[in-house]
């Protein structure tokens, strides 16, 4: 193959042009830094040092709670007795734990001489709230009835309770004496919990 002089000049010219372009592209990127992202990520800002330091507290003074408002409606009384029940479940234990919570009912009747009672077959504590003059007295009667809930777990316990009442009388019944003793022992701590 024979290359003519004109063709040779053209090839050399093309080679020089291509080398010039490559050199120009090289010079274009030589002094420029690498491309930057569109969003610049800044280092996290440290919060400034506090100007004033908080004083060291030597003693915490408790703020007294306002006294408990006396319940008026049936729902308010039931909510109150639910709080007493929560305290009783956490603090009063007799024998095995009782997982069944008693139902709570409230009556505003003032007839008769009963302050409250526990009905074992439906597991209900009935409270006659107007017969007790104070919330403390209502809480103490409820604790007494809750102890009966722990004592009388079934038919046999109820039969024993009734037999003791016939033999010894209501006030000397072992169940009643234990319920009275526990309610007397626990009422102060319960009232502190209830803020009354």
N, C-alpha and C. Protein backbone atom coordinates (compact mmCIF):
# COMPACT_ATOMS: atom_id res chain seq x y z
N UNK A 1 0.84 -1.15 0.00
CA UNK A 1 0.00 0.00 0.00
C UNK A 1 0.89 1.23 0.00
N UNK A 2 0.56 2.09 -0.86
CA UNK A 2 1.38 3.27 -1.06
C UNK A 2 0.60 4.46 -0.55
N UNK A 3 1.16 5.21 0.42
CA UNK A 3 0.48 6.39 0.95
C UNK A 3 1.08 7.60 0.25
N UNK A 4 0.23 8.42 -0.27
CA UNK A 4 0.69 9.62 -0.97
C UNK A 4 1.02 10.69 0.04
N UNK A 5 1.78 11.68 -0.43
CA UNK A 5 2.23 12.73 0.45
C UNK A 5 1.05 13.53 0.97
N UNK A 6 0.06 13.78 0.20
CA UNK A 6 -1.11 14.56 0.64
C UNK A 6 -1.87 13.83 1.75
N UNK A 7 -1.95 12.52 1.56
CA UNK A 7 -2.65 11.74 2.58
C UNK A 7 -1.85 11.71 3.88
N UNK A 8 -0.53 11.61 3.74
CA UNK A 8 0.32 11.59 4.91
C UNK A 8 0.21 12.89 5.69
N UNK A 9 0.20 14.00 4.98
CA UNK A 9 0.05 15.30 5.64
C UNK A 9 -1.30 15.36 6.36
N UNK A 10 -2.35 14.84 5.72
CA UNK A 10 -3.68 14.85 6.33
C UNK A 10 -3.71 14.00 7.60
N UNK A 11 -3.07 12.82 7.57
CA UNK A 11 -3.04 11.96 8.76
C UNK A 11 -2.27 12.60 9.92
N UNK A 12 -1.14 13.26 9.58
CA UNK A 12 -0.35 13.93 10.61
C UNK A 12 -1.16 15.08 11.19
N UNK A 13 -1.85 15.83 10.32
CA UNK A 13 -2.69 16.94 10.78
C UNK A 13 -3.79 16.43 11.72
N UNK A 14 -4.44 15.36 11.35
CA UNK A 14 -5.50 14.78 12.18
C UNK A 14 -4.93 14.32 13.53
N UNK A 15 -3.78 13.71 13.51
CA UNK A 15 -3.14 13.25 14.74
C UNK A 15 -2.85 14.42 15.67
N UNK A 16 -2.31 15.52 15.14
CA UNK A 16 -1.97 16.70 15.93
C UNK A 16 -3.25 17.32 16.50
N UNK A 17 -4.31 17.37 15.72
CA UNK A 17 -5.58 17.95 16.20
C UNK A 17 -6.12 17.10 17.36
N UNK A 18 -6.11 15.79 17.22
CA UNK A 18 -6.64 14.92 18.28
C UNK A 18 -5.77 15.04 19.53
N UNK A 19 -4.44 15.10 19.38
CA UNK A 19 -3.56 15.28 20.55
C UNK A 19 -3.83 16.61 21.22
N UNK A 20 -4.09 17.66 20.41
CA UNK A 20 -4.40 18.98 20.96
C UNK A 20 -5.69 18.96 21.79
N UNK A 21 -6.69 18.25 21.28
CA UNK A 21 -7.96 18.14 22.02
C UNK A 21 -7.77 17.40 23.34
N UNK A 22 -7.01 16.34 23.30
CA UNK A 22 -6.77 15.58 24.52
C UNK A 22 -6.01 16.44 25.53
N UNK A 23 -5.01 17.19 25.05
CA UNK A 23 -4.24 18.05 25.93
C UNK A 23 -5.11 19.16 26.51
N UNK A 24 -5.99 19.71 25.68
CA UNK A 24 -6.89 20.78 26.13
C UNK A 24 -7.84 20.26 27.23
N UNK A 25 -8.37 19.06 27.04
CA UNK A 25 -9.26 18.47 28.06
C UNK A 25 -8.48 18.22 29.34
N UNK A 26 -7.27 17.77 29.23
CA UNK A 26 -6.43 17.54 30.39
C UNK A 26 -6.22 18.84 31.16
N UNK A 27 -5.89 19.93 30.43
CA UNK A 27 -5.67 21.22 31.07
C UNK A 27 -6.95 21.75 31.72
N UNK A 28 -8.09 21.44 31.13
CA UNK A 28 -9.39 21.90 31.66
C UNK A 28 -9.63 21.35 33.07
N UNK A 29 -9.28 20.10 33.34
CA UNK A 29 -9.56 19.47 34.63
C UNK A 29 -8.39 19.50 35.61
N UNK A 30 -7.23 19.94 35.17
CA UNK A 30 -6.05 19.87 36.00
C UNK A 30 -6.16 20.77 37.24
N UNK A 31 -6.59 22.02 37.14
CA UNK A 31 -6.62 22.96 38.26
C UNK A 31 -7.95 22.94 39.02
N UNK A 32 -8.95 22.28 38.50
CA UNK A 32 -10.27 22.29 39.15
C UNK A 32 -10.37 21.14 40.15
N UNK A 33 -10.98 21.43 41.35
CA UNK A 33 -11.18 20.33 42.31
C UNK A 33 -12.26 19.38 41.80
N UNK A 34 -12.36 18.27 42.46
CA UNK A 34 -13.38 17.29 42.06
C UNK A 34 -14.77 17.90 42.24
N UNK A 35 -15.74 17.44 41.49
CA UNK A 35 -17.09 18.03 41.59
C UNK A 35 -17.67 17.85 43.00
N UNK A 36 -18.43 18.90 43.45
CA UNK A 36 -19.01 18.90 44.80
C UNK A 36 -20.46 18.44 44.71
N UNK A 37 -20.94 17.80 45.78
CA UNK A 37 -22.36 17.41 45.75
C UNK A 37 -23.25 18.66 45.83
N UNK A 38 -24.48 18.51 45.39
CA UNK A 38 -25.40 19.64 45.39
C UNK A 38 -25.73 20.09 46.81
N UNK A 39 -25.86 19.12 47.76
CA UNK A 39 -26.17 19.45 49.15
C UNK A 39 -24.91 19.24 49.96
N UNK A 40 -24.53 20.26 50.67
CA UNK A 40 -23.33 20.16 51.47
C UNK A 40 -23.70 19.65 52.86
N UNK A 41 -23.04 18.61 53.31
CA UNK A 41 -23.31 18.04 54.62
C UNK A 41 -22.41 18.73 55.63
N UNK A 42 -23.06 19.42 56.56
CA UNK A 42 -22.32 20.15 57.57
C UNK A 42 -22.09 19.27 58.79
N UNK A 43 -21.03 19.51 59.52
CA UNK A 43 -20.83 18.75 60.75
C UNK A 43 -21.90 19.16 61.77
N UNK A 44 -22.27 18.26 62.67
CA UNK A 44 -23.31 18.61 63.65
C UNK A 44 -22.87 19.79 64.52
N UNK A 45 -23.86 20.63 64.81
CA UNK A 45 -23.58 21.82 65.62
C UNK A 45 -23.65 21.42 67.09
N UNK A 46 -22.63 21.73 67.82
CA UNK A 46 -22.62 21.43 69.25
C UNK A 46 -23.38 22.53 69.97
N UNK A 47 -24.19 22.13 70.94
CA UNK A 47 -24.92 23.17 71.68
C UNK A 47 -23.95 24.05 72.45
N UNK A 48 -24.30 25.32 72.55
CA UNK A 48 -23.38 26.20 73.28
C UNK A 48 -23.34 25.83 74.76
N UNK A 49 -22.25 26.10 75.37
CA UNK A 49 -22.10 25.85 76.79
C UNK A 49 -23.07 26.74 77.56
N UNK A 50 -23.74 26.20 78.59
CA UNK A 50 -24.68 27.05 79.32
C UNK A 50 -23.94 28.20 80.01
N UNK A 51 -24.61 29.33 79.96
CA UNK A 51 -24.02 30.52 80.56
C UNK A 51 -24.14 30.46 82.08
N UNK A 52 -25.33 30.02 82.54
CA UNK A 52 -25.57 29.95 83.97
C UNK A 52 -25.73 28.48 84.35
N UNK A 53 -25.03 28.05 85.35
CA UNK A 53 -25.18 26.67 85.80
C UNK A 53 -26.28 26.61 86.85
N UNK A 54 -27.02 25.51 86.82
CA UNK A 54 -28.11 25.33 87.78
C UNK A 54 -27.53 25.07 89.16
N UNK A 55 -28.16 25.63 90.19
CA UNK A 55 -27.65 25.37 91.54
C UNK A 55 -27.88 23.92 91.95
N UNK A 56 -27.02 23.42 92.77
CA UNK A 56 -27.14 22.05 93.27
C UNK A 56 -28.19 22.05 94.39
N UNK A 57 -29.17 21.13 94.25
CA UNK A 57 -30.23 21.04 95.25
C UNK A 57 -29.80 20.06 96.33
N UNK A 58 -29.73 20.55 97.55
CA UNK A 58 -29.32 19.70 98.66
C UNK A 58 -30.47 18.84 99.17
N UNK A 59 -31.65 19.41 99.20
CA UNK A 59 -32.79 18.71 99.78
C UNK A 59 -34.03 18.99 98.94
N UNK A 60 -34.78 17.95 98.62
CA UNK A 60 -36.01 18.11 97.87
C UNK A 60 -37.16 18.23 98.85
N UNK A 61 -37.88 19.32 98.73
CA UNK A 61 -39.02 19.56 99.62
C UNK A 61 -40.27 19.08 98.91
N UNK A 62 -40.97 18.09 99.46
CA UNK A 62 -42.16 17.59 98.77
C UNK A 62 -43.28 18.64 98.76
N UNK A 63 -43.97 18.69 97.64
CA UNK A 63 -45.11 19.59 97.53
C UNK A 63 -46.34 18.82 97.98
N UNK A 64 -47.04 19.32 98.97
CA UNK A 64 -48.20 18.57 99.46
C UNK A 64 -49.31 18.54 98.42
N UNK A 65 -49.95 17.38 98.32
CA UNK A 65 -51.08 17.24 97.40
C UNK A 65 -52.29 17.95 98.00
N UNK A 66 -53.13 18.50 97.14
CA UNK A 66 -54.35 19.08 97.70
C UNK A 66 -55.22 17.97 98.28
N UNK A 67 -56.02 18.28 99.30
CA UNK A 67 -56.84 17.22 99.90
C UNK A 67 -57.82 16.65 98.88
N UNK A 68 -58.12 15.38 99.04
CA UNK A 68 -59.02 14.68 98.12
C UNK A 68 -60.42 15.28 98.24
N UNK A 69 -61.03 15.46 97.08
CA UNK A 69 -62.41 15.94 97.06
C UNK A 69 -63.34 14.79 97.42
N UNK A 70 -64.34 15.07 98.21
CA UNK A 70 -65.27 14.04 98.65
C UNK A 70 -66.16 13.62 97.47
N UNK A 71 -66.28 12.30 97.21
CA UNK A 71 -67.15 11.86 96.11
C UNK A 71 -68.60 12.27 96.35
N UNK A 72 -69.31 12.48 95.25
CA UNK A 72 -70.72 12.85 95.34
C UNK A 72 -71.58 11.84 94.60
N UNK A 73 -71.20 11.53 93.37
CA UNK A 73 -72.01 10.62 92.55
C UNK A 73 -71.60 9.17 92.80
N UNK A 74 -72.44 8.27 92.32
CA UNK A 74 -72.16 6.83 92.46
C UNK A 74 -70.85 6.48 91.74
N UNK A 75 -70.66 7.04 90.54
CA UNK A 75 -69.44 6.75 89.78
C UNK A 75 -68.20 7.23 90.54
N UNK A 76 -68.27 8.43 91.15
CA UNK A 76 -67.12 8.93 91.91
C UNK A 76 -66.82 8.02 93.10
N UNK A 77 -67.86 7.54 93.77
CA UNK A 77 -67.64 6.61 94.89
C UNK A 77 -67.01 5.30 94.40
N UNK A 78 -67.51 4.78 93.29
CA UNK A 78 -66.96 3.52 92.76
C UNK A 78 -65.50 3.72 92.37
N UNK A 79 -65.18 4.86 91.74
CA UNK A 79 -63.77 5.14 91.39
C UNK A 79 -62.90 5.22 92.65
N UNK A 80 -63.44 5.82 93.70
CA UNK A 80 -62.72 5.90 94.97
C UNK A 80 -62.46 4.50 95.52
N UNK A 81 -63.50 3.64 95.53
CA UNK A 81 -63.34 2.29 96.07
C UNK A 81 -62.41 1.44 95.19
N UNK A 82 -62.34 1.73 93.90
CA UNK A 82 -61.38 1.02 93.04
C UNK A 82 -59.95 1.36 93.45
N UNK A 83 -59.72 2.60 93.85
CA UNK A 83 -58.39 2.97 94.35
C UNK A 83 -58.09 2.23 95.66
N UNK A 84 -59.10 2.16 96.54
CA UNK A 84 -58.91 1.42 97.80
C UNK A 84 -58.63 -0.05 97.48
N UNK A 85 -59.34 -0.61 96.53
CA UNK A 85 -59.15 -2.01 96.13
C UNK A 85 -57.73 -2.23 95.62
N UNK A 86 -57.23 -1.31 94.81
CA UNK A 86 -55.85 -1.42 94.30
C UNK A 86 -54.86 -1.46 95.46
N UNK A 87 -55.06 -0.57 96.43
CA UNK A 87 -54.17 -0.57 97.61
C UNK A 87 -54.28 -1.90 98.36
N UNK A 88 -55.52 -2.38 98.54
CA UNK A 88 -55.73 -3.64 99.28
C UNK A 88 -55.03 -4.80 98.58
N UNK A 89 -55.15 -4.88 97.27
CA UNK A 89 -54.54 -5.99 96.54
C UNK A 89 -53.03 -5.97 96.65
N UNK A 90 -52.45 -4.78 96.77
CA UNK A 90 -51.00 -4.69 96.87
C UNK A 90 -50.49 -4.94 98.30
N UNK A 91 -51.33 -4.69 99.30
CA UNK A 91 -50.83 -4.68 100.68
C UNK A 91 -51.44 -5.70 101.63
N UNK A 92 -52.56 -6.30 101.29
CA UNK A 92 -53.20 -7.24 102.21
C UNK A 92 -53.16 -8.64 101.58
N UNK A 93 -52.53 -9.56 102.28
CA UNK A 93 -52.41 -10.94 101.80
C UNK A 93 -52.91 -11.88 102.88
N UNK A 94 -53.78 -12.81 102.50
CA UNK A 94 -54.24 -13.87 103.40
C UNK A 94 -54.20 -15.17 102.61
N UNK A 95 -53.41 -16.12 103.05
CA UNK A 95 -53.35 -17.40 102.35
C UNK A 95 -52.85 -17.21 100.92
N UNK A 96 -53.44 -17.99 100.00
CA UNK A 96 -53.06 -17.90 98.59
C UNK A 96 -53.59 -16.60 97.99
N UNK A 97 -52.87 -16.10 96.96
CA UNK A 97 -53.34 -14.88 96.29
C UNK A 97 -54.70 -15.11 95.67
N UNK A 98 -55.51 -14.08 95.70
CA UNK A 98 -56.85 -14.13 95.10
C UNK A 98 -56.80 -13.32 93.83
N UNK A 99 -56.91 -14.00 92.68
CA UNK A 99 -56.79 -13.31 91.40
C UNK A 99 -58.09 -12.65 90.97
N UNK A 100 -59.20 -13.13 91.51
CA UNK A 100 -60.51 -12.57 91.15
C UNK A 100 -60.71 -11.27 91.91
N UNK A 101 -61.02 -10.21 91.16
CA UNK A 101 -61.33 -8.92 91.80
C UNK A 101 -62.81 -8.90 92.15
N UNK A 102 -63.14 -8.41 93.33
CA UNK A 102 -64.57 -8.33 93.66
C UNK A 102 -65.25 -7.20 92.89
N UNK A 103 -66.51 -7.40 92.59
CA UNK A 103 -67.31 -6.32 92.02
C UNK A 103 -67.59 -5.32 93.13
N UNK A 104 -67.76 -4.07 92.76
CA UNK A 104 -68.02 -3.03 93.75
C UNK A 104 -69.36 -2.38 93.41
N UNK A 105 -70.23 -2.26 94.43
CA UNK A 105 -71.50 -1.57 94.24
C UNK A 105 -71.68 -0.58 95.39
N UNK A 106 -72.41 0.48 95.12
CA UNK A 106 -72.60 1.55 96.09
C UNK A 106 -74.09 1.81 96.24
N UNK A 107 -74.51 2.02 97.48
CA UNK A 107 -75.90 2.37 97.75
C UNK A 107 -75.93 3.64 98.60
N UNK A 108 -76.92 4.51 98.31
CA UNK A 108 -77.11 5.73 99.10
C UNK A 108 -78.21 5.55 100.14
N UNK A 109 -78.68 4.31 100.32
CA UNK A 109 -79.74 4.04 101.29
C UNK A 109 -79.20 4.22 102.71
N UNK A 110 -80.06 4.72 103.61
CA UNK A 110 -79.66 4.88 105.01
C UNK A 110 -80.48 3.98 105.92
N UNK A 111 -81.23 3.07 105.34
CA UNK A 111 -82.04 2.15 106.14
C UNK A 111 -81.17 1.04 106.69
N UNK A 112 -81.57 0.51 107.83
CA UNK A 112 -80.85 -0.61 108.44
C UNK A 112 -79.60 -0.15 109.15
N UNK A 113 -78.85 -1.14 109.67
CA UNK A 113 -77.64 -0.80 110.42
C UNK A 113 -76.39 -1.40 109.79
N UNK A 114 -76.45 -1.82 108.53
CA UNK A 114 -75.31 -2.43 107.86
C UNK A 114 -74.52 -1.34 107.13
N UNK A 115 -73.20 -1.31 107.34
CA UNK A 115 -72.33 -0.33 106.67
C UNK A 115 -71.84 -0.82 105.32
N UNK A 116 -71.77 -2.13 105.19
CA UNK A 116 -71.33 -2.77 103.95
C UNK A 116 -71.36 -4.27 104.14
N UNK A 117 -71.32 -5.00 103.03
CA UNK A 117 -71.27 -6.46 103.15
C UNK A 117 -70.57 -7.05 101.94
N UNK A 118 -70.12 -8.30 102.11
CA UNK A 118 -69.51 -9.05 101.00
C UNK A 118 -70.40 -10.23 100.67
N UNK A 119 -70.74 -10.38 99.41
CA UNK A 119 -71.57 -11.49 98.96
C UNK A 119 -70.68 -12.44 98.17
N UNK A 120 -70.34 -13.59 98.80
CA UNK A 120 -69.30 -14.46 98.24
C UNK A 120 -69.71 -15.11 96.92
N UNK A 121 -71.02 -15.45 96.74
CA UNK A 121 -71.40 -16.22 95.54
C UNK A 121 -71.29 -15.39 94.26
N UNK A 122 -71.43 -14.07 94.34
CA UNK A 122 -71.23 -13.24 93.14
C UNK A 122 -70.00 -12.33 93.29
N UNK A 123 -69.26 -12.52 94.37
CA UNK A 123 -68.01 -11.80 94.63
C UNK A 123 -68.23 -10.29 94.52
N UNK A 124 -69.15 -9.79 95.35
CA UNK A 124 -69.50 -8.38 95.31
C UNK A 124 -69.37 -7.76 96.69
N UNK A 125 -68.77 -6.57 96.72
CA UNK A 125 -68.72 -5.75 97.93
C UNK A 125 -69.73 -4.64 97.76
N UNK A 126 -70.70 -4.60 98.67
CA UNK A 126 -71.72 -3.54 98.65
C UNK A 126 -71.37 -2.54 99.75
N UNK A 127 -71.35 -1.26 99.41
CA UNK A 127 -71.02 -0.21 100.37
C UNK A 127 -72.21 0.74 100.52
N UNK A 128 -72.61 0.99 101.78
CA UNK A 128 -73.65 1.98 102.09
C UNK A 128 -72.92 3.27 102.49
N UNK A 129 -72.66 4.11 101.53
CA UNK A 129 -71.71 5.21 101.72
C UNK A 129 -72.23 6.33 102.62
N UNK A 130 -73.52 6.56 102.67
CA UNK A 130 -74.04 7.67 103.48
C UNK A 130 -74.08 7.34 104.97
N UNK A 131 -73.95 6.06 105.33
CA UNK A 131 -73.96 5.68 106.74
C UNK A 131 -72.61 5.98 107.40
N UNK A 132 -71.56 6.10 106.59
CA UNK A 132 -70.24 6.47 107.10
C UNK A 132 -70.07 7.97 106.89
N UNK A 133 -69.71 8.67 107.94
CA UNK A 133 -69.64 10.13 107.88
C UNK A 133 -68.44 10.64 107.09
N UNK A 134 -67.35 9.86 107.05
CA UNK A 134 -66.12 10.34 106.41
C UNK A 134 -65.64 9.35 105.35
N UNK A 135 -64.76 9.85 104.49
CA UNK A 135 -64.12 8.96 103.50
C UNK A 135 -63.26 7.92 104.20
N UNK A 136 -62.61 8.32 105.28
CA UNK A 136 -61.77 7.39 106.04
C UNK A 136 -62.61 6.22 106.54
N UNK A 137 -63.80 6.50 107.07
CA UNK A 137 -64.67 5.42 107.56
C UNK A 137 -65.12 4.53 106.42
N UNK A 138 -65.43 5.12 105.26
CA UNK A 138 -65.80 4.30 104.10
C UNK A 138 -64.64 3.41 103.67
N UNK A 139 -63.42 3.97 103.67
CA UNK A 139 -62.24 3.17 103.29
C UNK A 139 -62.04 2.02 104.28
N UNK A 140 -62.25 2.28 105.58
CA UNK A 140 -62.05 1.23 106.58
C UNK A 140 -63.08 0.12 106.42
N UNK A 141 -64.33 0.47 106.15
CA UNK A 141 -65.36 -0.56 105.93
C UNK A 141 -65.02 -1.36 104.68
N UNK A 142 -64.53 -0.67 103.64
CA UNK A 142 -64.18 -1.39 102.41
C UNK A 142 -63.04 -2.38 102.67
N UNK A 143 -62.02 -1.96 103.42
CA UNK A 143 -60.91 -2.88 103.75
C UNK A 143 -61.46 -4.10 104.50
N UNK A 144 -62.37 -3.86 105.44
CA UNK A 144 -63.00 -4.94 106.21
C UNK A 144 -63.68 -5.93 105.25
N UNK A 145 -64.45 -5.40 104.30
CA UNK A 145 -65.16 -6.28 103.36
C UNK A 145 -64.19 -6.97 102.39
N UNK A 146 -63.10 -6.29 102.04
CA UNK A 146 -62.10 -6.93 101.19
C UNK A 146 -61.47 -8.12 101.90
N UNK A 147 -61.25 -8.00 103.22
CA UNK A 147 -60.71 -9.13 103.98
C UNK A 147 -61.69 -10.31 103.91
N UNK A 148 -62.99 -10.03 103.98
CA UNK A 148 -63.98 -11.12 103.82
C UNK A 148 -63.85 -11.75 102.43
N UNK A 149 -63.55 -10.94 101.42
CA UNK A 149 -63.35 -11.46 100.07
C UNK A 149 -62.18 -12.46 100.05
N UNK A 150 -61.15 -12.17 100.84
CA UNK A 150 -60.00 -13.08 100.91
C UNK A 150 -60.31 -14.31 101.77
N UNK A 151 -61.16 -14.14 102.79
CA UNK A 151 -61.46 -15.24 103.72
C UNK A 151 -62.46 -16.23 103.12
N UNK A 152 -63.52 -15.71 102.55
CA UNK A 152 -64.64 -16.56 102.10
C UNK A 152 -64.50 -16.80 100.60
N UNK A 153 -63.88 -17.93 100.28
CA UNK A 153 -63.58 -18.22 98.87
C UNK A 153 -64.60 -19.14 98.22
N UNK A 154 -65.43 -19.78 99.03
CA UNK A 154 -66.41 -20.71 98.47
C UNK A 154 -67.49 -21.06 99.46
N UNK A 155 -68.29 -22.04 99.11
CA UNK A 155 -69.46 -22.44 99.91
C UNK A 155 -69.05 -22.92 101.30
N UNK A 156 -67.99 -23.71 101.39
CA UNK A 156 -67.57 -24.25 102.69
C UNK A 156 -67.14 -23.14 103.65
N UNK A 157 -66.43 -22.14 103.12
CA UNK A 157 -66.03 -21.01 103.98
C UNK A 157 -67.27 -20.24 104.44
N UNK A 158 -68.26 -20.10 103.58
CA UNK A 158 -69.48 -19.38 103.94
C UNK A 158 -70.27 -20.15 105.02
N UNK A 159 -70.32 -21.48 104.90
CA UNK A 159 -71.00 -22.30 105.91
C UNK A 159 -70.29 -22.14 107.26
N UNK A 160 -68.95 -22.17 107.23
CA UNK A 160 -68.19 -22.01 108.47
C UNK A 160 -68.44 -20.64 109.09
N UNK A 161 -68.49 -19.60 108.26
CA UNK A 161 -68.78 -18.24 108.74
C UNK A 161 -70.15 -18.21 109.45
N UNK A 162 -71.17 -18.79 108.81
CA UNK A 162 -72.52 -18.78 109.39
C UNK A 162 -72.59 -19.59 110.68
N UNK A 163 -71.89 -20.73 110.74
CA UNK A 163 -71.87 -21.55 111.96
C UNK A 163 -71.21 -20.79 113.11
N UNK A 164 -70.10 -20.10 112.82
CA UNK A 164 -69.42 -19.32 113.86
C UNK A 164 -70.30 -18.18 114.35
N UNK A 165 -71.06 -17.56 113.45
CA UNK A 165 -71.95 -16.48 113.86
C UNK A 165 -73.05 -17.01 114.78
N UNK A 166 -73.60 -18.19 114.45
CA UNK A 166 -74.64 -18.78 115.32
C UNK A 166 -74.07 -19.16 116.69
N UNK A 167 -72.86 -19.73 116.72
CA UNK A 167 -72.27 -20.18 117.98
C UNK A 167 -71.75 -19.04 118.84
N UNK A 168 -71.01 -18.11 118.24
CA UNK A 168 -70.32 -17.08 119.02
C UNK A 168 -70.98 -15.71 118.94
N UNK A 169 -71.82 -15.50 117.94
CA UNK A 169 -72.38 -14.17 117.72
C UNK A 169 -71.57 -13.44 116.64
N UNK A 170 -72.16 -12.40 116.09
CA UNK A 170 -71.54 -11.68 114.97
C UNK A 170 -70.18 -11.09 115.35
N UNK A 171 -70.10 -10.38 116.46
CA UNK A 171 -68.88 -9.66 116.81
C UNK A 171 -67.75 -10.57 117.27
N UNK A 172 -68.07 -11.75 117.79
CA UNK A 172 -67.02 -12.68 118.24
C UNK A 172 -66.67 -13.72 117.17
N UNK A 173 -67.33 -13.66 116.03
CA UNK A 173 -67.03 -14.55 114.90
C UNK A 173 -65.56 -14.34 114.50
N UNK A 174 -64.82 -15.44 114.33
CA UNK A 174 -63.39 -15.36 113.99
C UNK A 174 -63.15 -14.56 112.71
N UNK A 175 -64.03 -14.74 111.72
CA UNK A 175 -63.89 -14.01 110.46
C UNK A 175 -64.00 -12.50 110.70
N UNK A 176 -64.99 -12.10 111.50
CA UNK A 176 -65.21 -10.68 111.78
C UNK A 176 -64.07 -10.09 112.60
N UNK A 177 -63.60 -10.83 113.57
CA UNK A 177 -62.50 -10.33 114.42
C UNK A 177 -61.24 -10.11 113.58
N UNK A 178 -60.94 -11.06 112.69
CA UNK A 178 -59.76 -10.89 111.83
C UNK A 178 -59.95 -9.70 110.88
N UNK A 179 -61.14 -9.55 110.29
CA UNK A 179 -61.39 -8.44 109.37
C UNK A 179 -61.29 -7.10 110.10
N UNK A 180 -61.82 -7.04 111.33
CA UNK A 180 -61.72 -5.80 112.12
C UNK A 180 -60.27 -5.48 112.46
N UNK A 181 -59.51 -6.49 112.85
CA UNK A 181 -58.11 -6.27 113.23
C UNK A 181 -57.29 -5.77 112.04
N UNK A 182 -57.49 -6.38 110.88
CA UNK A 182 -56.72 -5.98 109.69
C UNK A 182 -57.11 -4.59 109.24
N UNK A 183 -58.42 -4.28 109.26
CA UNK A 183 -58.84 -2.94 108.82
C UNK A 183 -58.33 -1.87 109.78
N UNK A 184 -58.31 -2.16 111.10
CA UNK A 184 -57.76 -1.20 112.07
C UNK A 184 -56.26 -1.00 111.85
N UNK A 185 -55.57 -2.07 111.53
CA UNK A 185 -54.13 -2.02 111.36
C UNK A 185 -53.74 -1.28 110.07
N UNK A 186 -54.54 -1.40 109.03
CA UNK A 186 -54.16 -0.89 107.70
C UNK A 186 -54.72 0.49 107.35
N UNK A 187 -55.68 0.99 108.10
CA UNK A 187 -56.40 2.18 107.65
C UNK A 187 -55.50 3.41 107.51
N UNK A 188 -54.55 3.61 108.42
CA UNK A 188 -53.69 4.81 108.33
C UNK A 188 -52.85 4.80 107.06
N UNK A 189 -52.24 3.67 106.78
CA UNK A 189 -51.40 3.56 105.58
C UNK A 189 -52.24 3.73 104.32
N UNK A 190 -53.43 3.15 104.31
CA UNK A 190 -54.31 3.28 103.15
C UNK A 190 -54.73 4.73 102.96
N UNK A 191 -55.07 5.41 104.04
CA UNK A 191 -55.49 6.82 103.93
C UNK A 191 -54.35 7.70 103.45
N UNK A 192 -53.14 7.38 103.83
CA UNK A 192 -51.97 8.12 103.34
C UNK A 192 -51.85 7.93 101.83
N UNK A 193 -52.03 6.69 101.37
CA UNK A 193 -51.99 6.39 99.94
C UNK A 193 -53.08 7.15 99.18
N UNK A 194 -54.28 7.22 99.80
CA UNK A 194 -55.43 7.85 99.15
C UNK A 194 -55.44 9.37 99.31
N UNK A 195 -54.54 9.91 100.13
CA UNK A 195 -54.49 11.34 100.41
C UNK A 195 -55.78 11.85 101.05
N UNK A 196 -56.23 11.10 102.09
CA UNK A 196 -57.39 11.56 102.85
C UNK A 196 -57.03 11.64 104.33
